């Protein structure tokens, strides 16, 4: 049972890496400003990377660095930190 879960996480991780590489290729072809943001909100990440809020919260618990000025305030994640964290998985 646990082996099946590990395989699914690995497959998911590979899909996310593929999305990152695809986005990099699209950036070379497009100058759309929404793909050039340095800081991303949760909704930006959901749209661009296809990650759910639950997955992002799990990443935060595992050590993803975020910026949140006040409790219950807007959460911002640096694009480079997110990409490094996903690639590390």
N, C-alpha and C. Protein backbone atom coordinates (compact mmCIF):
# COMPACT_ATOMS: atom_id res chain seq x y z
N UNK A 1 0.82 -1.20 0.00
CA UNK A 1 0.00 0.00 0.00
C UNK A 1 0.86 1.26 0.00
N UNK A 2 1.87 1.34 0.86
CA UNK A 2 2.71 2.54 0.89
C UNK A 2 3.53 2.68 -0.38
N UNK A 3 3.87 1.57 -1.03
CA UNK A 3 4.62 1.63 -2.28
C UNK A 3 3.80 2.34 -3.35
N UNK A 4 2.51 2.06 -3.40
CA UNK A 4 1.64 2.70 -4.38
C UNK A 4 1.63 4.22 -4.17
N UNK A 5 1.58 4.67 -2.92
CA UNK A 5 1.56 6.09 -2.63
C UNK A 5 2.88 6.73 -3.06
N UNK A 6 4.00 6.07 -2.81
CA UNK A 6 5.29 6.62 -3.20
C UNK A 6 5.39 6.74 -4.72
N UNK A 7 4.87 5.79 -5.44
CA UNK A 7 4.90 5.86 -6.90
C UNK A 7 4.05 7.03 -7.38
N UNK A 8 2.89 7.21 -6.79
CA UNK A 8 2.03 8.31 -7.21
C UNK A 8 2.68 9.66 -6.93
N UNK A 9 3.36 9.81 -5.79
CA UNK A 9 4.05 11.07 -5.48
C UNK A 9 5.16 11.32 -6.49
N UNK A 10 5.88 10.27 -6.86
CA UNK A 10 6.98 10.42 -7.82
C UNK A 10 6.43 10.84 -9.19
N UNK A 11 5.33 10.21 -9.59
CA UNK A 11 4.72 10.56 -10.87
C UNK A 11 4.23 12.01 -10.84
N UNK A 12 3.60 12.40 -9.73
CA UNK A 12 3.12 13.77 -9.59
C UNK A 12 4.29 14.75 -9.66
N UNK A 13 5.36 14.44 -8.97
CA UNK A 13 6.55 15.29 -8.98
C UNK A 13 7.10 15.44 -10.40
N UNK A 14 7.12 14.36 -11.16
CA UNK A 14 7.60 14.42 -12.54
C UNK A 14 6.69 15.29 -13.41
N UNK A 15 5.39 15.21 -13.16
CA UNK A 15 4.46 16.04 -13.92
C UNK A 15 4.68 17.52 -13.62
N UNK A 16 4.90 17.84 -12.36
CA UNK A 16 5.13 19.23 -11.99
C UNK A 16 6.44 19.73 -12.61
N UNK A 17 7.48 18.90 -12.61
CA UNK A 17 8.74 19.28 -13.25
C UNK A 17 8.52 19.53 -14.74
N UNK A 18 7.69 18.72 -15.36
CA UNK A 18 7.37 18.90 -16.77
C UNK A 18 6.66 20.24 -17.00
N UNK A 19 5.76 20.59 -16.08
CA UNK A 19 5.06 21.88 -16.18
C UNK A 19 6.05 23.03 -16.08
N UNK A 20 7.02 22.92 -15.17
CA UNK A 20 8.02 23.98 -15.02
C UNK A 20 8.83 24.13 -16.30
N UNK A 21 9.27 23.01 -16.87
CA UNK A 21 10.05 23.07 -18.11
C UNK A 21 9.22 23.65 -19.26
N UNK A 22 7.95 23.27 -19.32
CA UNK A 22 7.06 23.79 -20.36
C UNK A 22 6.89 25.29 -20.20
N UNK A 23 6.73 25.75 -18.95
CA UNK A 23 6.58 27.18 -18.70
C UNK A 23 7.83 27.94 -19.13
N UNK A 24 9.01 27.37 -18.87
CA UNK A 24 10.25 28.01 -19.29
C UNK A 24 10.31 28.15 -20.80
N UNK A 25 9.87 27.12 -21.52
CA UNK A 25 9.83 27.20 -22.98
C UNK A 25 8.84 28.25 -23.45
N UNK A 26 7.69 28.32 -22.79
CA UNK A 26 6.69 29.32 -23.16
C UNK A 26 7.19 30.73 -22.90
N UNK A 27 7.98 30.90 -21.84
CA UNK A 27 8.54 32.23 -21.55
C UNK A 27 9.45 32.71 -22.66
N UNK A 28 10.15 31.79 -23.27
CA UNK A 28 11.01 32.17 -24.39
C UNK A 28 10.20 32.63 -25.59
N UNK A 29 8.99 32.11 -25.72
CA UNK A 29 8.15 32.45 -26.87
C UNK A 29 7.20 33.61 -26.59
N UNK A 30 6.99 33.90 -25.32
CA UNK A 30 5.98 34.89 -24.97
C UNK A 30 6.52 35.92 -23.99
N UNK A 31 6.01 37.12 -24.08
CA UNK A 31 6.40 38.18 -23.16
C UNK A 31 5.24 38.56 -22.25
N UNK A 32 4.38 37.61 -21.94
CA UNK A 32 3.22 37.90 -21.10
C UNK A 32 3.68 38.26 -19.69
N UNK A 33 3.24 39.39 -19.16
CA UNK A 33 3.73 39.87 -17.85
C UNK A 33 3.36 38.96 -16.68
N UNK A 34 2.25 38.22 -16.75
CA UNK A 34 1.86 37.37 -15.62
C UNK A 34 2.83 36.22 -15.39
N UNK A 35 3.61 35.86 -16.41
CA UNK A 35 4.62 34.81 -16.25
C UNK A 35 5.96 35.36 -15.78
N UNK A 36 6.05 36.66 -15.62
CA UNK A 36 7.31 37.27 -15.21
C UNK A 36 7.26 37.78 -13.77
N UNK A 37 6.21 37.46 -13.03
CA UNK A 37 6.10 37.90 -11.65
C UNK A 37 7.14 37.20 -10.79
N UNK A 38 7.79 37.98 -9.92
CA UNK A 38 8.77 37.39 -9.01
C UNK A 38 8.08 36.75 -7.81
N UNK A 39 7.03 37.40 -7.29
CA UNK A 39 6.29 36.88 -6.14
C UNK A 39 4.92 36.40 -6.62
N UNK A 40 4.53 35.21 -6.16
CA UNK A 40 3.27 34.61 -6.58
C UNK A 40 2.33 34.44 -5.40
N UNK A 41 1.05 34.73 -5.61
CA UNK A 41 0.05 34.45 -4.60
C UNK A 41 -0.40 33.00 -4.77
N UNK A 42 -1.20 32.53 -3.84
CA UNK A 42 -1.70 31.16 -3.92
C UNK A 42 -2.52 30.97 -5.20
N UNK A 43 -3.33 31.95 -5.54
CA UNK A 43 -4.15 31.82 -6.76
C UNK A 43 -3.28 31.82 -8.02
N UNK A 44 -2.19 32.59 -8.01
CA UNK A 44 -1.26 32.57 -9.15
C UNK A 44 -0.65 31.18 -9.32
N UNK A 45 -0.27 30.57 -8.21
CA UNK A 45 0.34 29.24 -8.25
C UNK A 45 -0.67 28.20 -8.73
N UNK A 46 -1.91 28.32 -8.25
CA UNK A 46 -2.95 27.39 -8.69
C UNK A 46 -3.15 27.49 -10.20
N UNK A 47 -3.16 28.70 -10.73
CA UNK A 47 -3.38 28.90 -12.16
C UNK A 47 -2.19 28.46 -13.00
N UNK A 48 -1.01 28.91 -12.61
CA UNK A 48 0.17 28.68 -13.44
C UNK A 48 0.74 27.27 -13.31
N UNK A 49 0.79 26.74 -12.09
CA UNK A 49 1.42 25.45 -11.87
C UNK A 49 0.41 24.31 -11.73
N UNK A 50 -0.86 24.64 -11.55
CA UNK A 50 -1.87 23.60 -11.40
C UNK A 50 -1.82 22.91 -10.05
N UNK A 51 -1.28 23.57 -9.04
CA UNK A 51 -1.20 23.00 -7.70
C UNK A 51 -2.37 23.50 -6.87
N UNK A 52 -2.95 22.62 -6.06
CA UNK A 52 -4.07 23.02 -5.22
C UNK A 52 -3.57 23.69 -3.94
N UNK A 53 -4.46 24.35 -3.25
CA UNK A 53 -4.13 25.01 -1.98
C UNK A 53 -3.62 23.98 -0.97
N UNK A 54 -4.24 22.81 -0.96
CA UNK A 54 -3.85 21.75 -0.02
C UNK A 54 -2.41 21.30 -0.27
N UNK A 55 -2.02 21.17 -1.51
CA UNK A 55 -0.65 20.77 -1.85
C UNK A 55 0.33 21.87 -1.44
N UNK A 56 -0.01 23.12 -1.69
CA UNK A 56 0.85 24.24 -1.32
C UNK A 56 1.03 24.29 0.20
N UNK A 57 -0.06 24.07 0.94
CA UNK A 57 0.04 24.05 2.40
C UNK A 57 0.94 22.91 2.87
N UNK A 58 0.88 21.78 2.20
CA UNK A 58 1.78 20.66 2.52
C UNK A 58 3.23 21.02 2.26
N UNK A 59 3.48 21.72 1.17
CA UNK A 59 4.84 22.17 0.86
C UNK A 59 5.34 23.14 1.95
N UNK A 60 4.45 24.01 2.42
CA UNK A 60 4.82 24.95 3.49
C UNK A 60 5.21 24.20 4.75
N UNK A 61 4.48 23.16 5.09
CA UNK A 61 4.80 22.37 6.28
C UNK A 61 6.13 21.64 6.13
N UNK A 62 6.50 21.32 4.88
CA UNK A 62 7.75 20.62 4.61
C UNK A 62 8.93 21.57 4.46
N UNK A 63 8.69 22.89 4.55
CA UNK A 63 9.81 23.82 4.55
C UNK A 63 9.84 24.86 3.44
N UNK A 64 8.82 24.94 2.60
CA UNK A 64 8.80 25.97 1.57
C UNK A 64 8.70 27.34 2.23
N UNK A 65 9.60 28.24 1.87
CA UNK A 65 9.63 29.58 2.46
C UNK A 65 8.55 30.45 1.82
N UNK A 66 7.80 31.14 2.69
CA UNK A 66 6.75 32.04 2.23
C UNK A 66 6.89 33.38 2.92
N UNK A 67 6.20 34.38 2.40
CA UNK A 67 6.16 35.70 2.99
C UNK A 67 4.71 36.01 3.34
N UNK A 68 4.45 36.20 4.64
CA UNK A 68 3.11 36.53 5.09
C UNK A 68 3.27 37.61 6.17
N UNK A 69 2.95 38.85 5.83
CA UNK A 69 3.23 39.97 6.72
C UNK A 69 2.41 39.94 8.00
N UNK A 70 1.14 39.58 7.90
CA UNK A 70 0.30 39.49 9.10
C UNK A 70 -0.41 38.15 9.11
N UNK A 71 -0.77 37.70 10.32
CA UNK A 71 -1.50 36.45 10.42
C UNK A 71 -2.83 36.59 9.66
N UNK A 72 -3.18 35.56 8.93
CA UNK A 72 -4.37 35.55 8.07
C UNK A 72 -4.26 36.55 6.92
N UNK A 73 -3.04 37.00 6.64
CA UNK A 73 -2.82 37.92 5.52
C UNK A 73 -2.50 37.16 4.25
N UNK A 74 -2.28 37.90 3.19
CA UNK A 74 -1.98 37.31 1.90
C UNK A 74 -0.64 36.60 1.94
N UNK A 75 -0.60 35.39 1.39
CA UNK A 75 0.62 34.59 1.34
C UNK A 75 1.27 34.80 -0.01
N UNK A 76 2.56 35.15 0.01
CA UNK A 76 3.31 35.31 -1.22
C UNK A 76 4.51 34.36 -1.20
N UNK A 77 4.77 33.75 -2.32
CA UNK A 77 5.87 32.80 -2.44
C UNK A 77 6.73 33.24 -3.61
N UNK A 78 8.02 33.29 -3.36
CA UNK A 78 8.96 33.68 -4.41
C UNK A 78 9.03 32.56 -5.45
N UNK A 79 8.90 32.93 -6.71
CA UNK A 79 8.88 31.96 -7.81
C UNK A 79 10.11 31.05 -7.78
N UNK A 80 11.28 31.62 -7.58
CA UNK A 80 12.51 30.83 -7.59
C UNK A 80 12.49 29.79 -6.47
N UNK A 81 12.01 30.20 -5.27
CA UNK A 81 11.95 29.27 -4.14
C UNK A 81 11.00 28.11 -4.43
N UNK A 82 9.85 28.42 -5.03
CA UNK A 82 8.89 27.37 -5.37
C UNK A 82 9.47 26.40 -6.39
N UNK A 83 10.10 26.92 -7.42
CA UNK A 83 10.68 26.05 -8.45
C UNK A 83 11.79 25.18 -7.88
N UNK A 84 12.63 25.75 -7.01
CA UNK A 84 13.68 24.96 -6.38
C UNK A 84 13.09 23.86 -5.50
N UNK A 85 12.06 24.21 -4.74
CA UNK A 85 11.42 23.25 -3.84
C UNK A 85 10.81 22.09 -4.62
N UNK A 86 10.11 22.41 -5.70
CA UNK A 86 9.48 21.37 -6.52
C UNK A 86 10.53 20.49 -7.19
N UNK A 87 11.58 21.10 -7.71
CA UNK A 87 12.63 20.33 -8.37
C UNK A 87 13.36 19.42 -7.39
N UNK A 88 13.45 19.84 -6.14
CA UNK A 88 14.13 19.05 -5.11
C UNK A 88 13.33 17.79 -4.76
N UNK A 89 12.03 17.82 -4.92
CA UNK A 89 11.16 16.69 -4.53
C UNK A 89 11.39 15.49 -5.37
